N, C-alpha and C. Protein backbone atom coordinates (compact mmCIF):
# COMPACT_ATOMS: atom_id res chain seq x y z
N MET A 1 -31.58 16.11 41.61
CA MET A 1 -30.95 17.39 42.03
C MET A 1 -30.81 17.50 43.54
N ILE A 2 -29.65 17.86 43.97
CA ILE A 2 -29.41 18.03 45.43
C ILE A 2 -29.88 19.39 45.83
N ASP A 3 -30.73 19.43 46.80
CA ASP A 3 -31.24 20.74 47.27
C ASP A 3 -30.81 21.07 48.66
N LYS A 4 -29.67 20.53 49.10
CA LYS A 4 -29.03 20.85 50.38
C LYS A 4 -27.60 21.13 50.17
N ARG A 5 -27.07 22.16 50.87
CA ARG A 5 -25.67 22.47 50.83
C ARG A 5 -25.27 23.05 52.19
N TYR A 6 -24.03 22.94 52.51
CA TYR A 6 -23.53 23.53 53.78
C TYR A 6 -23.06 24.99 53.52
N ASN A 7 -23.60 25.89 54.27
CA ASN A 7 -23.25 27.30 54.14
C ASN A 7 -22.22 27.62 55.20
N LYS A 8 -21.04 28.03 54.72
CA LYS A 8 -19.92 28.31 55.66
C LYS A 8 -20.17 29.60 56.43
N LYS A 9 -20.83 30.60 55.89
CA LYS A 9 -21.05 31.81 56.62
C LYS A 9 -22.09 31.61 57.75
N LEU A 10 -23.16 30.91 57.46
CA LEU A 10 -24.20 30.66 58.48
C LEU A 10 -23.81 29.44 59.40
N ARG A 11 -22.84 28.62 58.94
CA ARG A 11 -22.43 27.43 59.63
C ARG A 11 -23.58 26.43 59.90
N LYS A 12 -24.35 26.24 58.84
CA LYS A 12 -25.44 25.26 58.89
C LYS A 12 -25.81 24.81 57.48
N ILE A 13 -26.59 23.75 57.41
CA ILE A 13 -27.03 23.23 56.10
C ILE A 13 -28.26 23.98 55.66
N ILE A 14 -28.23 24.52 54.47
CA ILE A 14 -29.42 25.21 53.92
C ILE A 14 -30.11 24.32 52.91
N THR A 15 -31.41 24.45 52.88
CA THR A 15 -32.26 23.70 51.92
C THR A 15 -32.96 24.65 51.05
N LEU A 16 -33.22 24.27 49.81
CA LEU A 16 -34.01 25.07 48.91
C LEU A 16 -35.51 24.83 49.05
N GLU A 17 -36.28 25.90 49.06
CA GLU A 17 -37.70 25.83 49.09
C GLU A 17 -38.17 26.04 47.64
N LYS A 18 -39.44 25.93 47.44
CA LYS A 18 -39.98 26.16 46.13
C LYS A 18 -39.74 27.63 45.61
N GLY A 19 -39.23 27.71 44.42
CA GLY A 19 -38.97 29.02 43.83
C GLY A 19 -37.57 29.58 44.22
N GLU A 20 -36.79 28.83 44.93
CA GLU A 20 -35.39 29.33 45.26
C GLU A 20 -34.37 28.52 44.50
N ARG A 21 -33.13 29.16 44.43
CA ARG A 21 -32.01 28.54 43.80
C ARG A 21 -30.73 28.92 44.56
N PHE A 22 -29.70 28.10 44.37
CA PHE A 22 -28.42 28.47 45.06
C PHE A 22 -27.77 29.64 44.29
N CYS A 23 -27.05 30.47 44.99
CA CYS A 23 -26.37 31.60 44.44
C CYS A 23 -25.41 31.15 43.35
N PRO A 24 -25.41 31.81 42.17
CA PRO A 24 -24.50 31.40 41.12
C PRO A 24 -23.05 31.79 41.38
N LYS A 25 -22.83 32.75 42.24
CA LYS A 25 -21.44 33.24 42.44
C LYS A 25 -20.75 32.41 43.51
N CYS A 26 -21.40 32.10 44.67
CA CYS A 26 -20.76 31.35 45.73
C CYS A 26 -21.17 29.90 45.78
N ASN A 27 -22.19 29.50 44.97
CA ASN A 27 -22.65 28.12 44.93
C ASN A 27 -23.20 27.65 46.25
N GLY A 28 -23.83 28.56 46.98
CA GLY A 28 -24.49 28.16 48.28
C GLY A 28 -23.56 28.27 49.47
N ASN A 29 -22.31 28.58 49.35
CA ASN A 29 -21.36 28.64 50.43
C ASN A 29 -21.52 29.95 51.26
N GLY A 30 -21.91 31.03 50.64
CA GLY A 30 -22.07 32.32 51.33
C GLY A 30 -20.75 33.05 51.47
N ILE A 31 -19.63 32.32 51.26
CA ILE A 31 -18.30 32.91 51.40
C ILE A 31 -17.49 32.64 50.16
N LEU A 32 -16.70 33.57 49.68
CA LEU A 32 -15.81 33.42 48.62
C LEU A 32 -14.39 33.51 49.17
N LYS A 33 -13.48 32.62 48.69
CA LYS A 33 -12.17 32.60 49.13
C LYS A 33 -11.37 33.42 48.14
N ARG A 34 -10.64 34.41 48.65
CA ARG A 34 -9.86 35.31 47.85
C ARG A 34 -8.39 35.15 48.32
N THR A 35 -7.57 34.83 47.35
CA THR A 35 -6.12 34.64 47.67
C THR A 35 -5.37 35.84 47.20
N ARG A 36 -4.46 36.21 48.04
CA ARG A 36 -3.55 37.33 47.69
C ARG A 36 -2.13 36.84 47.99
N GLY A 37 -1.31 36.85 46.99
CA GLY A 37 0.09 36.46 47.20
C GLY A 37 0.14 34.94 47.37
N ARG A 38 1.20 34.61 48.02
CA ARG A 38 1.49 33.16 48.23
C ARG A 38 0.88 32.55 49.50
N PHE A 39 0.87 33.29 50.55
CA PHE A 39 0.41 32.74 51.83
C PHE A 39 -0.78 33.47 52.39
N ARG A 40 -1.25 34.57 51.84
CA ARG A 40 -2.32 35.28 52.43
C ARG A 40 -3.63 34.96 51.73
N SER A 41 -4.66 34.61 52.48
CA SER A 41 -5.91 34.36 51.93
C SER A 41 -6.94 35.01 52.89
N LYS A 42 -8.07 35.37 52.33
CA LYS A 42 -9.11 35.99 53.07
C LYS A 42 -10.44 35.56 52.61
N ASN A 43 -11.32 35.29 53.51
CA ASN A 43 -12.75 34.94 53.13
C ASN A 43 -13.61 36.17 53.07
N LEU A 44 -14.30 36.27 51.99
CA LEU A 44 -15.16 37.36 51.75
C LEU A 44 -16.63 36.98 51.65
N MET A 45 -17.54 37.76 52.13
CA MET A 45 -18.95 37.43 52.02
C MET A 45 -19.36 37.77 50.60
N CYS A 46 -20.18 36.84 50.05
CA CYS A 46 -20.71 36.95 48.66
C CYS A 46 -21.51 38.23 48.52
N SER A 47 -21.27 38.90 47.43
CA SER A 47 -21.93 40.20 47.21
C SER A 47 -23.32 40.06 46.56
N ILE A 48 -23.68 38.85 46.06
CA ILE A 48 -24.94 38.68 45.42
C ILE A 48 -26.01 38.21 46.40
N CYS A 49 -25.68 37.18 47.19
CA CYS A 49 -26.68 36.61 48.18
C CYS A 49 -26.49 37.20 49.60
N LEU A 50 -25.41 37.91 49.83
CA LEU A 50 -25.04 38.59 51.14
C LEU A 50 -24.87 37.49 52.18
N GLY A 51 -24.32 36.38 51.76
CA GLY A 51 -24.03 35.34 52.73
C GLY A 51 -25.09 34.30 52.96
N ALA A 52 -26.30 34.47 52.40
CA ALA A 52 -27.40 33.56 52.62
C ALA A 52 -27.19 32.28 51.81
N GLY A 53 -26.57 32.33 50.68
CA GLY A 53 -26.32 31.12 49.87
C GLY A 53 -27.39 30.82 48.92
N LYS A 54 -28.56 31.42 49.04
CA LYS A 54 -29.67 31.10 48.14
C LYS A 54 -30.49 32.39 47.79
N LEU A 55 -31.14 32.42 46.77
CA LEU A 55 -31.95 33.50 46.28
C LEU A 55 -33.31 32.98 45.88
N ASP A 56 -34.39 33.74 46.23
CA ASP A 56 -35.68 33.42 45.70
C ASP A 56 -35.84 34.08 44.37
N TRP A 57 -36.96 33.87 43.66
CA TRP A 57 -37.11 34.39 42.31
C TRP A 57 -37.13 35.91 42.24
N ILE A 58 -37.67 36.52 43.28
CA ILE A 58 -37.73 37.98 43.30
C ILE A 58 -36.29 38.56 43.53
N GLU A 59 -35.59 38.01 44.48
CA GLU A 59 -34.20 38.45 44.78
C GLU A 59 -33.31 38.18 43.52
N ASP A 60 -33.56 37.09 42.85
CA ASP A 60 -32.83 36.85 41.62
C ASP A 60 -32.98 37.90 40.58
N ILE A 61 -34.13 38.48 40.49
CA ILE A 61 -34.44 39.53 39.43
C ILE A 61 -33.99 40.93 39.95
N ARG A 62 -34.37 41.28 41.18
CA ARG A 62 -34.22 42.62 41.70
C ARG A 62 -32.87 42.80 42.45
N GLY A 63 -32.34 41.70 42.98
CA GLY A 63 -31.17 41.78 43.83
C GLY A 63 -31.58 41.69 45.31
N LYS A 64 -30.76 41.22 46.08
CA LYS A 64 -31.06 40.98 47.50
C LYS A 64 -30.83 42.28 48.24
N LYS A 65 -31.75 42.65 49.15
CA LYS A 65 -31.65 43.81 49.98
C LYS A 65 -30.81 43.59 51.19
N ASN A 66 -30.00 44.53 51.55
CA ASN A 66 -29.17 44.41 52.72
C ASN A 66 -30.00 44.75 53.94
N GLU A 67 -30.29 43.77 54.80
CA GLU A 67 -31.14 44.03 55.93
C GLU A 67 -30.46 44.43 57.20
């Protein structure tokens, strides 16, 4: 299992610690690409992990707090 991924929002490689997992929505990127129309695209921050790319077991159950 690979426990390192590049987070585009933080612009660094994040690693998983014990009890953490990558965000299921953005897959550790922290940013979701949203395309509108043919030429317009916009990067949006992930609403589950708030750009962190990973969740610990408490945040996975209760949700991440906006700090």
